[in-house]
Amino acid sequence: MIPGGPQGGFADRGALPAERVADPRERPLYTLREAARYLDVPEATLRTWVRGRGYPVQRGSRREWSPPLIETPGGGPLLSFYNLVEANVLAALRRERRISMHRVRRAVEAAKAFLGVERPLLLDLQAGLKEVFVERGGELLSLTRSGQVALREILESFLTRVDRDEKGLPLRFRPPVGGKVRAEWVALNPLVAFGAPAVERVETRVLALRYDAGEELEEIAEDYGLPPHAVREALVFEGLAA
């Protein structure tokens, strides 16, 4: 069975006022399950980031509420492309398993204050993100297994998944595939195929459907004018090839 991705029909998958959706990167596009697959993180983890969670206080029956770290469009159930980019930074920080979400939350708040921006997780390294989470994140770093160097390398590798426009804003997201941190050909672009995973302008699910129906990889590649290794990467992403 081919894993699903966004398959159109986004108009009825969430709604925002017109002024909030002028930028396609802000539109509600991805379910939690879809976004978790593209990020290669557990769905339950991503749910905590975008929905928050309750936790017990000491041994009593009282519970505290941990608010979400990522604000979805209109507070709805779907994530935007920008939300995907924000979650990618959190995935990098959480890669060091001993960093608690409490420490990550404090780092995000520090980034907001230090950089003077509301959504620091959308920034690139040159905009100061590395300085806040690595150079200035003493408390965060003290909880990692390998220290400053490891956190810097992880953050840098995860941020290479994001291609940016001339203004430095996120434009495309290249998901992990086949054991690689980022795909070479597969990308999610909210301006192409409604943000669905695609190679050039061909959705990966379309390539996978043809391959699953028995067509040869080289034939599919020729039909779309794609290199065979690009189609193979799409098939690996869809779980149909090694």
Protein backbone atom coordinates (compact mmCIF):
# COMPACT_ATOMS: atom_id res chain seq x y z
CA MET A 1 0.00 0.00 0.00
CA ILE A 2 1.36 3.41 -0.95
CA PRO A 3 1.66 5.86 1.97
CA GLY A 4 -0.59 8.83 1.42
CA GLY A 5 0.26 12.50 1.07
CA PRO A 6 -1.83 15.62 0.53
CA GLN A 7 -4.05 14.79 -2.42
CA GLY A 8 -5.81 18.01 -3.28
CA GLY A 9 -9.09 19.24 -1.91
CA PHE A 10 -7.35 21.62 0.46
CA ALA A 11 -10.15 24.16 0.31
CA ASP A 12 -12.30 21.93 2.50
CA ARG A 13 -9.48 20.81 4.82
CA GLY A 14 -9.33 24.04 6.77
CA ALA A 15 -10.28 27.67 6.42
CA LEU A 16 -8.68 30.96 7.30
CA PRO A 17 -9.65 34.59 6.69
CA ALA A 18 -8.48 35.78 3.27
CA GLU A 19 -5.89 38.14 4.73
CA ARG A 20 -4.23 35.24 6.58
CA VAL A 21 -3.87 32.98 3.54
CA ALA A 22 -2.43 35.39 0.96
CA ASP A 23 0.87 33.56 1.36
CA PRO A 24 0.43 29.87 0.38
CA ARG A 25 3.09 28.99 2.97
CA GLU A 26 0.59 29.94 5.68
CA ARG A 27 -2.27 27.81 4.38
CA PRO A 28 -3.42 24.69 6.28
CA LEU A 29 -2.06 21.81 4.20
CA TYR A 30 -0.89 18.79 6.20
CA THR A 31 -2.46 16.45 8.71
CA LEU A 32 -0.43 15.47 11.76
CA ARG A 33 0.20 12.04 10.26
CA GLU A 34 1.42 13.47 6.95
CA ALA A 35 3.67 16.06 8.58
CA ALA A 36 5.13 13.49 10.98
CA ARG A 37 6.03 11.25 8.04
CA TYR A 38 7.69 14.10 6.13
CA LEU A 39 9.69 15.07 9.23
CA ASP A 40 10.43 11.48 10.29
CA VAL A 41 9.26 12.11 13.84
CA PRO A 42 6.65 10.20 15.89
CA GLU A 43 3.13 11.51 15.36
CA ALA A 44 2.62 11.73 19.13
CA THR A 45 5.69 13.96 19.44
CA LEU A 46 4.48 16.31 16.73
CA ARG A 47 1.03 16.39 18.36
CA THR A 48 2.62 17.64 21.58
CA TRP A 49 4.41 20.42 19.69
CA VAL A 50 1.25 21.71 17.97
CA ARG A 51 -1.45 20.80 20.53
CA GLY A 52 0.37 21.04 23.86
CA ARG A 53 -0.13 18.48 26.61
CA GLY A 54 -0.97 18.10 30.27
CA TYR A 55 1.43 16.60 32.77
CA PRO A 56 1.15 15.72 36.47
CA VAL A 57 2.64 18.00 39.09
CA GLN A 58 4.83 15.99 41.48
CA ARG A 59 2.78 13.11 42.90
CA GLY A 60 -0.51 14.88 43.34
CA SER A 61 -3.59 14.77 41.17
CA ARG A 62 -3.11 18.33 39.93
CA ARG A 63 -1.99 18.70 36.33
CA GLU A 64 -0.26 21.54 34.58
CA TRP A 65 -0.74 22.43 30.93
CA SER A 66 2.21 22.76 28.58
CA PRO A 67 1.10 25.03 25.69
CA PRO A 68 1.99 24.26 22.08
CA LEU A 69 5.29 25.40 20.60
CA ILE A 70 3.84 25.76 17.10
CA GLU A 71 0.68 27.68 16.21
CA THR A 72 -1.28 26.09 13.38
CA PRO A 73 -3.36 28.27 11.00
CA GLY A 74 -6.38 29.49 12.91
CA GLY A 75 -5.57 26.95 15.64
CA GLY A 76 -7.01 24.28 13.36
CA PRO A 77 -6.05 20.62 12.93
CA LEU A 78 -3.84 21.10 9.86
CA LEU A 79 -0.25 22.31 9.69
CA SER A 80 1.01 24.88 7.21
CA PHE A 81 4.24 24.70 5.25
CA TYR A 82 5.71 27.20 7.71
CA ASN A 83 4.66 24.93 10.57
CA LEU A 84 6.56 22.10 8.88
CA VAL A 85 9.69 24.27 8.81
CA GLU A 86 9.26 25.20 12.48
CA ALA A 87 8.80 21.57 13.47
CA ASN A 88 11.98 20.69 11.59
CA VAL A 89 14.01 22.89 13.97
CA LEU A 90 12.37 21.25 16.97
CA ALA A 91 13.19 17.85 15.47
CA ALA A 92 16.85 18.90 15.31
CA LEU A 93 16.85 20.04 18.93
CA ARG A 94 15.07 16.92 20.10
CA ARG A 95 17.54 14.72 18.22
CA GLU A 96 19.63 14.95 21.38
CA ARG A 97 17.20 12.90 23.46
CA ARG A 98 18.28 14.27 26.82
CA ILE A 99 17.08 17.78 26.01
CA SER A 100 13.68 18.18 27.66
CA MET A 101 10.87 20.07 26.00
CA HIS A 102 10.94 22.46 28.95
CA ARG A 103 14.51 23.43 27.99
CA VAL A 104 13.61 23.64 24.33
CA ARG A 105 10.66 25.91 25.17
CA ARG A 106 12.95 28.20 27.15
CA ALA A 107 15.36 28.31 24.22
CA VAL A 108 12.55 29.29 21.84
CA GLU A 109 11.43 32.07 24.18
CA ALA A 110 15.04 33.26 24.46
CA ALA A 111 15.27 33.35 20.68
CA LYS A 112 12.12 35.46 20.45
CA ALA A 113 13.51 37.97 22.93
CA PHE A 114 17.09 38.02 21.63
CA LEU A 115 16.19 38.24 17.93
CA GLY A 116 13.05 40.33 18.36
CA VAL A 117 10.92 38.08 16.16
CA GLU A 118 7.71 36.21 16.87
CA ARG A 119 8.59 33.05 14.94
CA PRO A 120 12.32 32.41 15.32
CA LEU A 121 11.99 28.79 14.19
CA LEU A 122 11.48 30.07 10.63
CA LEU A 123 14.90 31.73 10.55
CA ASP A 124 18.05 30.37 8.98
CA LEU A 125 21.48 30.06 10.59
CA GLN A 126 22.66 33.39 9.23
CA ALA A 127 19.72 35.15 10.87
CA GLY A 128 21.00 34.21 14.31
CA LEU A 129 19.29 30.92 15.00
CA LYS A 130 22.56 29.09 15.56
CA GLU A 131 23.79 31.77 17.94
CA VAL A 132 20.73 31.46 20.15
CA PHE A 133 20.51 27.66 20.20
CA VAL A 134 24.23 26.90 20.17
CA GLU A 135 26.51 29.73 21.26
CA ARG A 136 24.09 31.27 23.77
CA GLY A 137 22.25 28.10 24.77
CA GLY A 138 24.41 27.18 27.75
CA GLU A 139 21.62 25.49 29.71
CA LEU A 140 20.45 23.64 26.61
CA LEU A 141 23.97 22.52 25.74
CA SER A 142 24.69 21.28 29.23
CA LEU A 143 22.05 18.59 28.75
CA THR A 144 23.36 17.18 25.48
CA ARG A 145 25.47 14.06 25.27
CA SER A 146 28.14 15.49 23.01
CA GLY A 147 27.94 19.19 23.78
CA GLN A 148 28.17 22.21 21.56
CA VAL A 149 29.71 20.63 18.47
CA ALA A 150 27.08 17.88 18.24
CA LEU A 151 24.18 20.31 18.59
CA ARG A 152 25.63 22.65 15.96
CA GLU A 153 26.14 19.80 13.49
CA ILE A 154 22.64 18.43 14.04
CA LEU A 155 21.03 21.86 13.69
CA GLU A 156 23.01 22.64 10.56
CA SER A 157 22.20 19.30 8.92
CA PHE A 158 18.47 19.61 9.63
CA LEU A 159 18.33 23.20 8.39
CA THR A 160 19.79 22.16 5.04
CA ARG A 161 16.40 20.54 4.40
CA VAL A 162 14.97 24.03 3.83
CA ASP A 163 15.54 25.93 0.57
CA ARG A 164 14.94 29.66 0.90
CA ASP A 165 13.88 32.48 -1.41
CA GLU A 166 15.81 35.68 -2.09
CA LYS A 167 14.42 37.22 1.11
CA GLY A 168 15.62 34.28 3.21
CA LEU A 169 12.12 32.92 3.76
CA PRO A 170 11.45 29.15 3.53
CA LEU A 171 10.49 28.14 0.02
CA ARG A 172 10.92 24.34 -0.24
CA PHE A 173 11.33 21.53 2.26
CA ARG A 174 13.38 18.49 1.31
CA PRO A 175 12.32 15.59 3.57
CA PRO A 176 14.60 12.82 4.81
CA VAL A 177 14.57 9.80 2.53
CA GLY A 178 16.39 6.49 2.37
CA GLY A 179 18.55 7.19 5.41
CA LYS A 180 19.65 10.60 4.07
CA VAL A 181 19.02 13.75 6.12
CA ARG A 182 17.54 15.49 3.07
CA ALA A 183 16.23 14.42 -0.29
CA GLU A 184 18.01 15.51 -3.44
CA TRP A 185 14.93 15.48 -5.68
CA VAL A 186 11.82 15.09 -3.54
CA ALA A 187 10.57 18.43 -2.20
CA LEU A 188 7.48 20.01 -0.67
CA ASN A 189 6.69 23.41 -2.14
CA PRO A 190 3.39 25.11 -1.27
CA LEU A 191 3.41 26.68 -4.74
CA VAL A 192 3.59 23.28 -6.45
CA ALA A 193 0.98 20.49 -6.25
CA PHE A 194 -0.65 22.11 -3.21
CA GLY A 195 2.46 21.38 -1.16
CA ALA A 196 2.40 17.62 -1.79
CA PRO A 197 5.76 15.81 -2.06
CA ALA A 198 6.89 16.09 -5.66
CA VAL A 199 9.84 15.69 -8.01
CA GLU A 200 9.92 18.81 -10.13
CA ARG A 201 6.15 19.19 -10.61
CA VAL A 202 5.22 15.51 -10.50
CA GLU A 203 3.80 14.23 -7.22
CA THR A 204 5.67 11.30 -5.75
CA ARG A 205 2.41 9.44 -5.24
CA VAL A 206 1.73 9.62 -9.00
CA LEU A 207 5.14 8.11 -9.77
CA ALA A 208 4.55 5.47 -7.09
CA LEU A 209 1.11 4.55 -8.45
CA ARG A 210 2.53 3.93 -11.92
CA TYR A 211 5.41 1.87 -10.56
CA ASP A 212 3.07 -0.09 -8.30
CA ALA A 213 0.91 -0.83 -11.35
CA GLY A 214 3.85 -2.60 -12.97
CA GLU A 215 5.46 0.07 -15.15
CA GLU A 216 9.24 0.16 -15.42
CA LEU A 217 11.14 2.86 -13.58
CA GLU A 218 13.00 3.95 -16.74
CA GLU A 219 9.73 4.22 -18.68
CA ILE A 220 8.18 6.42 -15.99
CA ALA A 221 11.28 8.62 -15.90
CA GLU A 222 11.23 9.05 -19.68
CA ASP A 223 7.54 9.98 -19.73
CA TYR A 224 8.11 12.85 -17.31
CA GLY A 225 11.55 13.87 -18.53
CA LEU A 226 13.12 13.00 -15.18
CA PRO A 227 16.43 11.28 -14.41
CA PRO A 228 15.87 7.66 -13.37
CA HIS A 229 17.60 8.26 -10.03
CA ALA A 230 15.12 11.06 -9.30
CA VAL A 231 12.21 8.67 -9.83
CA ARG A 232 13.97 6.05 -7.71
CA GLU A 233 14.28 8.54 -4.84
CA ALA A 234 10.56 9.24 -5.12
CA LEU A 235 9.83 5.52 -4.94
CA VAL A 236 12.06 5.11 -1.90
CA PHE A 237 10.22 8.02 -0.28
CA GLU A 238 6.91 6.28 -0.99
CA GLY A 239 8.22 2.98 0.39
CA LEU A 240 8.29 1.10 -2.92
CA ALA A 241 12.03 0.75 -3.60
CA ALA A 242 15.27 0.32 -1.71
